Amino acid sequence: MELLEKTLSSIGKPDHLSAERASLRLDSLTKPPGSLGILEKIAIKLAAIQCQALPELSQKIVMVMAGDHGVVEEGVSAFPQEVTPQMVLNFLYEGAAINVLSKLAGAKVVVTDVGIKGEPIRHPNLKLRKIRPGTRNMAREAAMTREEAVAAIEAGIELVNEEIKKGATLIGTGEMGIGNTTPSSAILAAFSGMDVEILTGRGTGLNESSLKKKKQVIKKALEINRPDPDDPLDVLAKVGGLEIAALTGVVLGAAAQRIPVVIDGFISSAAALVAYKMNEESVNYMFASHLSQEPGHRVILELMGLAPMLHLDLRLGEGTGAVLAFNLFDASVKIIHEMATFEEAGVSNKQ
């Protein structure tokens, strides 16, 4: 708990003066003010995060947290739980979408086991931070104890601190865990007070009857556990997931060190929402990469005041949306550094 408390207290405010200077620089470039839209907004927010008018990026990392969920026993997923370790191995052998897109973006994939059920995975590139072999079935009891939730959060903080120490300047969040749209929907319902029927989607592709069952299971979990929306750790422990908790730690840890975090889809955004509820200043270090097909994703982003950069109908997870957005960050930094001003180019501006 000490690391979590220290991290929460270390999250500072953005540097508005650097943001203003970046904005002035962008307005002096050979284009109408604001005409590069999101690219300009990225540069300005990066300037505020880095406390410098000309933001810079070098090493990009996507941190993929993996964990299983006891609630899968209730039939809430179209895929069996065995897929979690199988897909983690796919990540490690670089055969998944996240690997392909990360190579395109020039990013490194860091995969961590924080709670996979079954036999341990042996691979030199796998980070081992297993808190327990999957969560408990939240439809019958709390998914985690508070101590387990804190341990998973602190694992995420430690891991992101390691990557930042090695030179990471941009962090993406990713996850793997069969059934994890169920706890993500429960987390959102607990915080928002909105109807589970509205917030819950098909996940990996449930049919109508399975979707109906999934909604019933989430309602049951909320009724049994009664998570307190005023206590983010209580919500996370009772209806969350180990990989969600670890990603919460990634977001908080990066924010505490003034490193921008690109949030992936629905599950990653549920983790970001927990981080936001723990310290609202953390949202100043977050970027929403895309809007997924899950109906609750839009609600989460609206609760945090974040606008998605991409609208691609993604619903894969893994961090795929985050690394696709990495390319926009590269473009944004190139623009503010390399584009000529009106004066430099000898072009007349509107004055």
Protein backbone atom coordinates (compact mmCIF):
# COMPACT_ATOMS: atom_id res chain seq x y z
CA MET A 1 0.00 0.00 0.00
CA GLU A 2 2.95 2.30 0.62
CA LEU A 3 3.99 2.34 -3.07
CA LEU A 4 0.42 3.05 -4.17
CA GLU A 5 0.01 5.92 -1.71
CA LYS A 6 3.37 7.40 -2.69
CA THR A 7 2.46 7.17 -6.37
CA LEU A 8 -0.94 8.79 -5.89
CA SER A 9 0.60 11.68 -3.97
CA SER A 10 3.25 12.19 -6.68
CA ILE A 11 0.83 12.92 -9.52
CA GLY A 12 1.16 16.61 -10.31
CA LYS A 13 -0.73 19.09 -12.43
CA PRO A 14 0.06 19.69 -16.11
CA ASP A 15 2.27 22.63 -17.09
CA HIS A 16 -0.15 25.06 -18.72
CA LEU A 17 2.60 27.54 -19.64
CA SER A 18 4.35 24.93 -21.79
CA ALA A 19 1.00 24.06 -23.36
CA GLU A 20 0.43 27.74 -24.25
CA ARG A 21 3.88 28.00 -25.79
CA ALA A 22 3.28 24.87 -27.85
CA SER A 23 -0.04 26.30 -29.00
CA LEU A 24 1.62 29.55 -30.08
CA ARG A 25 4.26 27.59 -31.99
CA LEU A 26 1.58 25.56 -33.77
CA ASP A 27 -0.35 28.72 -34.69
CA SER A 28 2.80 30.18 -36.26
CA LEU A 29 3.22 27.24 -38.65
CA THR A 30 2.24 27.45 -42.33
CA LYS A 31 -1.39 26.36 -41.93
CA PRO A 32 -4.66 27.80 -40.66
CA PRO A 33 -4.79 27.71 -36.83
CA GLY A 34 -6.08 24.37 -35.56
CA SER A 35 -6.27 22.85 -39.03
CA LEU A 36 -4.30 19.75 -38.04
CA GLY A 37 -6.94 18.95 -35.45
CA ILE A 38 -6.07 16.06 -33.15
CA LEU A 39 -2.39 16.22 -34.10
CA GLU A 40 -2.22 19.70 -32.61
CA LYS A 41 -4.12 18.66 -29.49
CA ILE A 42 -1.67 15.79 -28.94
CA ALA A 43 1.33 18.13 -29.20
CA ILE A 44 -0.18 20.65 -26.78
CA LYS A 45 -1.06 18.00 -24.20
CA LEU A 46 2.38 16.39 -24.55
CA ALA A 47 3.95 19.80 -23.94
CA ALA A 48 1.94 20.18 -20.74
CA ILE A 49 2.96 16.69 -19.60
CA GLN A 50 6.66 17.07 -20.40
CA CYS A 51 6.92 20.71 -19.25
CA GLN A 52 8.48 21.77 -22.54
CA ALA A 53 7.00 23.63 -25.50
CA LEU A 54 8.61 21.27 -28.00
CA PRO A 55 7.71 17.77 -26.78
CA GLU A 56 9.91 14.82 -27.68
CA LEU A 57 9.35 11.07 -27.95
CA SER A 58 11.75 8.18 -28.21
CA GLN A 59 11.05 4.69 -26.87
CA LYS A 60 7.43 3.51 -27.09
CA ILE A 61 6.15 0.62 -25.01
CA VAL A 62 2.85 -1.25 -24.90
CA MET A 63 2.35 -3.07 -21.61
CA VAL A 64 0.10 -6.11 -21.96
CA MET A 65 -1.21 -7.46 -18.65
CA ALA A 66 -2.72 -10.96 -18.56
CA GLY A 67 -5.03 -12.53 -16.01
CA ASP A 68 -7.98 -14.90 -15.75
CA HIS A 69 -11.44 -14.46 -14.27
CA GLY A 70 -13.42 -16.81 -12.03
CA VAL A 71 -16.67 -15.41 -13.41
CA VAL A 72 -16.02 -17.32 -16.65
CA GLU A 73 -17.58 -20.26 -14.78
CA GLU A 74 -20.92 -18.54 -15.36
CA GLY A 75 -20.68 -18.81 -19.15
CA VAL A 76 -20.06 -15.14 -19.91
CA SER A 77 -17.50 -15.66 -22.69
CA ALA A 78 -17.68 -17.12 -26.19
CA PHE A 79 -14.14 -18.47 -25.76
CA PRO A 80 -12.79 -20.98 -23.18
CA GLN A 81 -10.39 -19.84 -20.48
CA GLU A 82 -7.56 -21.88 -22.02
CA VAL A 83 -7.28 -19.16 -24.66
CA THR A 84 -5.67 -16.75 -22.17
CA PRO A 85 -2.34 -18.62 -21.81
CA GLN A 86 -2.46 -19.67 -25.47
CA MET A 87 -2.72 -16.06 -26.61
CA VAL A 88 -0.01 -14.97 -24.18
CA LEU A 89 2.31 -17.49 -25.84
CA ASN A 90 1.23 -16.06 -29.20
CA PHE A 91 2.27 -12.60 -27.98
CA LEU A 92 5.61 -13.94 -26.79
CA TYR A 93 6.28 -15.64 -30.14
CA GLU A 94 5.22 -12.44 -31.93
CA GLY A 95 2.31 -13.90 -33.88
CA ALA A 96 -0.54 -11.71 -32.66
CA ALA A 97 -2.05 -8.48 -33.97
CA ILE A 98 -0.38 -6.51 -31.19
CA ASN A 99 3.03 -7.73 -32.36
CA VAL A 100 2.40 -6.84 -36.00
CA LEU A 101 1.07 -3.37 -35.20
CA SER A 102 3.77 -2.67 -32.61
CA LYS A 103 6.47 -3.44 -35.17
CA LEU A 104 4.78 -1.02 -37.54
CA ALA A 105 4.78 1.68 -34.84
CA GLY A 106 8.33 0.94 -33.69
CA ALA A 107 7.12 -0.05 -30.23
CA LYS A 108 8.20 -2.76 -27.79
CA VAL A 109 5.65 -5.22 -26.38
CA VAL A 110 6.03 -6.10 -22.70
CA VAL A 111 3.86 -9.04 -21.58
CA THR A 112 3.17 -9.77 -17.91
CA ASP A 113 1.39 -12.61 -16.13
CA VAL A 114 -0.38 -11.09 -13.12
CA GLY A 115 -2.99 -13.81 -12.74
CA ILE A 116 -3.19 -16.51 -15.42
CA LYS A 117 -4.85 -19.74 -14.32
CA GLY A 118 -3.15 -23.09 -14.94
CA GLU A 119 0.40 -24.23 -15.49
CA PRO A 120 3.05 -21.48 -15.40
CA ILE A 121 4.19 -20.20 -18.79
CA ARG A 122 7.92 -20.51 -19.29
CA HIS A 123 9.40 -17.92 -21.60
CA PRO A 124 12.39 -15.60 -21.12
CA ASN A 125 10.43 -12.54 -22.28
CA LEU A 126 7.45 -13.05 -19.97
CA LYS A 127 7.32 -10.86 -16.87
CA LEU A 128 6.07 -12.88 -13.88
CA ARG A 129 4.07 -10.94 -11.30
CA LYS A 130 1.33 -13.48 -10.55
CA ILE A 131 -0.77 -12.40 -7.59
CA ARG A 132 -3.04 -15.46 -7.73
CA PRO A 133 -4.22 -17.89 -10.46
CA GLY A 134 -7.19 -15.85 -11.65
CA THR A 135 -9.80 -13.96 -9.68
CA ARG A 136 -12.59 -15.59 -7.72
CA ASN A 137 -16.06 -15.80 -9.24
CA MET A 138 -17.49 -12.34 -8.60
CA ALA A 139 -21.02 -13.66 -9.10
CA ARG A 140 -20.58 -15.57 -5.83
CA GLU A 141 -18.04 -13.55 -3.84
CA ALA A 142 -15.54 -10.70 -4.16
CA ALA A 143 -13.18 -11.19 -7.09
CA MET A 144 -10.16 -10.20 -4.96
CA THR A 145 -9.30 -9.12 -1.47
CA ARG A 146 -8.23 -5.49 -1.06
CA GLU A 147 -4.70 -6.75 -0.43
CA GLU A 148 -4.65 -8.67 -3.72
CA ALA A 149 -5.98 -5.68 -5.63
CA VAL A 150 -3.31 -3.43 -4.11
CA ALA A 151 -0.61 -6.01 -4.90
CA ALA A 152 -1.73 -6.09 -8.56
CA ILE A 153 -1.81 -2.28 -8.78
CA GLU A 154 1.65 -2.03 -7.27
CA ALA A 155 2.94 -4.68 -9.70
CA GLY A 156 1.78 -2.40 -12.52
CA ILE A 157 3.49 0.61 -10.92
CA GLU A 158 6.75 -1.31 -10.48
CA LEU A 159 6.69 -2.59 -14.05
CA VAL A 160 6.02 0.79 -15.64
CA ASN A 161 8.69 2.36 -13.43
CA GLU A 162 11.16 -0.22 -14.78
CA GLU A 163 10.31 0.66 -18.39
CA ILE A 164 10.51 4.40 -17.75
CA LYS A 165 13.90 3.93 -16.11
CA LYS A 166 15.03 2.14 -19.29
CA GLY A 167 13.96 5.11 -21.40
CA ALA A 168 10.25 4.71 -22.21
CA THR A 169 8.66 8.04 -23.17
CA LEU A 170 5.23 6.80 -24.32
CA ILE A 171 3.26 3.97 -22.71
CA GLY A 172 0.35 2.05 -24.23
CA THR A 173 -1.97 -0.20 -22.23
CA GLY A 174 -3.05 -3.66 -23.36
CA GLU A 175 -4.55 -6.77 -21.81
CA MET A 176 -5.43 -10.41 -22.24
CA GLY A 177 -7.97 -12.25 -20.14
CA ILE A 178 -10.91 -14.30 -21.35
CA GLY A 179 -14.12 -12.90 -19.88
CA ASN A 180 -12.67 -9.52 -18.95
CA THR A 181 -15.40 -7.39 -20.53
CA THR A 182 -17.66 -8.72 -17.74
CA PRO A 183 -15.70 -7.18 -14.81
CA SER A 184 -15.08 -4.07 -16.92
CA SER A 185 -18.83 -3.60 -17.37
CA ALA A 186 -19.35 -4.21 -13.65
CA ILE A 187 -16.73 -1.59 -12.75
CA LEU A 188 -18.41 0.95 -15.03
CA ALA A 189 -21.88 0.15 -13.67
CA ALA A 190 -20.62 0.52 -10.09
CA PHE A 191 -19.08 3.94 -10.72
CA SER A 192 -21.73 5.36 -13.06
CA GLY A 193 -24.88 3.94 -11.51
CA MET A 194 -26.16 3.32 -15.02
CA ASP A 195 -28.20 0.31 -16.12
CA VAL A 196 -26.16 -2.83 -16.84
CA GLU A 197 -28.45 -3.46 -19.83
CA ILE A 198 -27.14 -0.30 -21.51
CA LEU A 199 -23.48 -0.72 -20.62
CA THR A 200 -22.88 -4.38 -21.45
CA GLY A 201 -21.75 -5.56 -24.89
CA ARG A 202 -21.02 -8.83 -26.65
CA GLY A 203 -17.33 -9.02 -25.77
CA THR A 204 -15.72 -11.62 -28.02
CA GLY A 205 -18.99 -12.22 -29.87
CA LEU A 206 -21.78 -13.55 -27.64
CA ASN A 207 -25.14 -14.51 -29.13
CA GLU A 208 -28.38 -13.05 -27.76
CA SER A 209 -29.00 -15.69 -25.10
CA SER A 210 -25.41 -15.56 -23.84
CA LEU A 211 -25.48 -11.76 -23.76
CA LYS A 212 -28.63 -11.87 -21.67
CA LYS A 213 -26.93 -14.27 -19.26
CA LYS A 214 -23.87 -12.05 -19.07
CA LYS A 215 -26.00 -9.07 -18.05
CA GLN A 216 -27.72 -11.17 -15.38
CA VAL A 217 -24.36 -12.30 -14.00
CA ILE A 218 -23.11 -8.71 -13.76
CA LYS A 219 -26.28 -7.64 -11.95
CA LYS A 220 -25.89 -10.55 -9.55
CA ALA A 221 -22.24 -9.67 -8.87
CA LEU A 222 -23.18 -6.08 -8.07
CA GLU A 223 -26.04 -7.18 -5.80
CA ILE A 224 -23.91 -9.69 -3.89
CA ASN A 225 -20.78 -7.56 -3.51
CA ARG A 226 -22.32 -4.08 -3.26
CA PRO A 227 -19.15 -2.22 -4.35
CA ASP A 228 -18.85 1.28 -2.94
CA PRO A 229 -18.47 3.83 -5.78
CA ASP A 230 -16.84 6.26 -3.35
CA ASP A 231 -14.07 3.72 -2.68
CA PRO A 232 -12.32 2.88 -5.99
CA LEU A 233 -10.28 0.12 -4.39
CA ASP A 234 -13.46 -1.51 -3.11
CA VAL A 235 -14.96 -1.49 -6.61
CA LEU A 236 -11.80 -2.90 -8.14
CA ALA A 237 -11.40 -5.65 -5.55
CA LYS A 238 -15.01 -6.77 -5.58
CA VAL A 239 -15.82 -6.79 -9.30
CA GLY A 240 -12.51 -6.17 -11.07
CA GLY A 241 -9.66 -8.24 -12.44
CA LEU A 242 -5.98 -8.73 -11.77
CA GLU A 243 -4.92 -7.45 -15.18
CA ILE A 244 -7.28 -4.49 -14.81
CA ALA A 245 -5.70 -3.69 -11.45
CA ALA A 246 -2.20 -3.96 -12.92
CA LEU A 247 -3.15 -1.58 -15.73
CA THR A 248 -4.51 0.83 -13.13
CA GLY A 249 -1.03 0.77 -11.66
CA VAL A 250 0.55 1.36 -15.06
CA VAL A 251 -1.58 4.48 -15.58
CA LEU A 252 -0.90 5.84 -12.09
CA GLY A 253 2.81 5.05 -12.23
CA ALA A 254 3.26 6.75 -15.59
CA ALA A 255 1.28 9.80 -14.47
CA ALA A 256 3.42 10.13 -11.35
CA GLN A 257 6.51 10.33 -13.58
CA ARG A 258 4.92 12.68 -16.14
CA ILE A 259 4.89 10.05 -18.89
CA PRO A 260 1.94 10.03 -21.34
CA VAL A 261 -0.26 6.93 -21.39
CA VAL A 262 -2.26 5.86 -24.45
CA ILE A 263 -5.34 3.94 -23.32
CA ASP A 264 -6.53 1.08 -25.53
CA GLY A 265 -10.13 -0.18 -25.55
CA PHE A 266 -12.90 -0.99 -23.09
CA ILE A 267 -10.92 -3.06 -20.58
CA SER A 268 -7.95 -0.70 -20.54
CA SER A 269 -10.37 2.20 -20.15
CA ALA A 270 -12.02 0.51 -17.16
CA ALA A 271 -8.57 0.39 -15.56
CA ALA A 272 -8.02 4.04 -16.46
CA LEU A 273 -11.37 4.89 -14.85
CA VAL A 274 -10.25 3.27 -11.59
CA ALA A 275 -7.03 5.30 -11.77
CA TYR A 276 -9.05 8.46 -12.43
CA LYS A 277 -11.29 7.75 -9.43
CA MET A 278 -8.18 7.28 -7.26
CA ASN A 279 -6.64 10.56 -8.44
CA GLU A 280 -8.45 12.76 -10.94
CA GLU A 281 -5.21 14.49 -11.96
CA SER A 282 -4.14 11.22 -13.63
CA VAL A 283 -6.45 11.95 -16.58
CA ASN A 284 -4.12 14.79 -17.60
CA TYR A 285 -1.60 12.12 -18.62
CA MET A 286 -4.07 9.92 -20.52
CA PHE A 287 -4.93 9.81 -24.21
CA ALA A 288 -7.86 7.77 -25.54
CA SER A 289 -6.66 5.90 -28.61
CA HIS A 290 -9.97 4.78 -30.08
CA LEU A 291 -13.66 4.06 -29.54
CA SER A 292 -14.43 0.34 -29.49
CA GLN A 293 -17.65 -1.49 -30.30
CA GLU A 294 -18.40 -2.09 -26.62
CA PRO A 295 -21.29 0.24 -25.66
CA GLY A 296 -19.75 1.05 -22.28
CA HIS A 297 -16.53 2.35 -23.79
CA ARG A 298 -18.05 5.66 -24.89
CA VAL A 299 -19.53 6.11 -21.41
CA ILE A 300 -16.15 5.60 -19.70
CA LEU A 301 -14.43 8.10 -21.96
CA GLU A 302 -17.18 10.65 -21.37
CA LEU A 303 -16.90 10.20 -17.59
CA MET A 304 -13.20 11.09 -17.83
CA GLY A 305 -13.64 13.83 -20.45
CA LEU A 306 -11.48 12.05 -23.02
CA ALA A 307 -12.08 12.04 -26.78
CA PRO A 308 -11.02 9.04 -28.88
CA MET A 309 -8.58 9.67 -31.73
CA LEU A 310 -9.64 6.75 -33.92
CA HIS A 311 -12.98 5.23 -34.92
CA LEU A 312 -12.12 1.86 -36.43
CA ASP A 313 -14.74 -0.53 -34.96
CA LEU A 314 -12.02 -2.35 -33.03
CA ARG A 315 -12.87 -4.84 -30.29
CA LEU A 316 -9.73 -6.95 -30.00
CA GLY A 317 -7.92 -5.49 -27.02
CA GLU A 318 -4.27 -6.49 -26.57
CA GLY A 319 -3.28 -2.81 -26.94
CA THR A 320 -3.93 -2.78 -30.69
CA GLY A 321 -5.76 0.56 -30.69
CA ALA A 322 -3.07 2.14 -28.52
CA VAL A 323 -0.20 1.20 -30.84
CA LEU A 324 -2.16 2.32 -33.89
CA ALA A 325 -2.47 5.70 -32.20
CA PHE A 326 1.30 5.77 -31.55
CA ASN A 327 1.71 6.72 -35.21
CA LEU A 328 -0.33 9.89 -34.60
CA PHE A 329 2.00 10.84 -31.76
CA ASP A 330 5.02 10.50 -34.03
CA ALA A 331 3.28 12.67 -36.63
CA SER A 332 2.35 15.27 -34.02
CA VAL A 333 5.90 15.63 -32.72
CA LYS A 334 7.29 15.82 -36.27
CA ILE A 335 4.86 18.62 -37.10
CA ILE A 336 5.70 20.85 -34.16
CA HIS A 337 9.44 20.34 -34.63
CA GLU A 338 9.90 20.32 -38.40
CA MET A 339 7.12 22.30 -40.07
CA ALA A 340 8.11 25.81 -41.16
CA THR A 341 6.61 28.94 -39.69
CA PHE A 342 5.05 31.64 -41.90
CA GLU A 343 8.11 33.80 -41.31
CA GLU A 344 10.60 31.03 -42.12
CA ALA A 345 8.79 30.05 -45.31
CA GLY A 346 8.11 33.60 -46.49
CA VAL A 347 4.38 32.86 -46.65
CA SER A 348 1.81 35.53 -45.82
CA ASN A 349 -0.50 34.70 -42.96
CA LYS A 350 -4.05 35.97 -42.55
CA GLN A 351 -2.74 39.25 -41.08
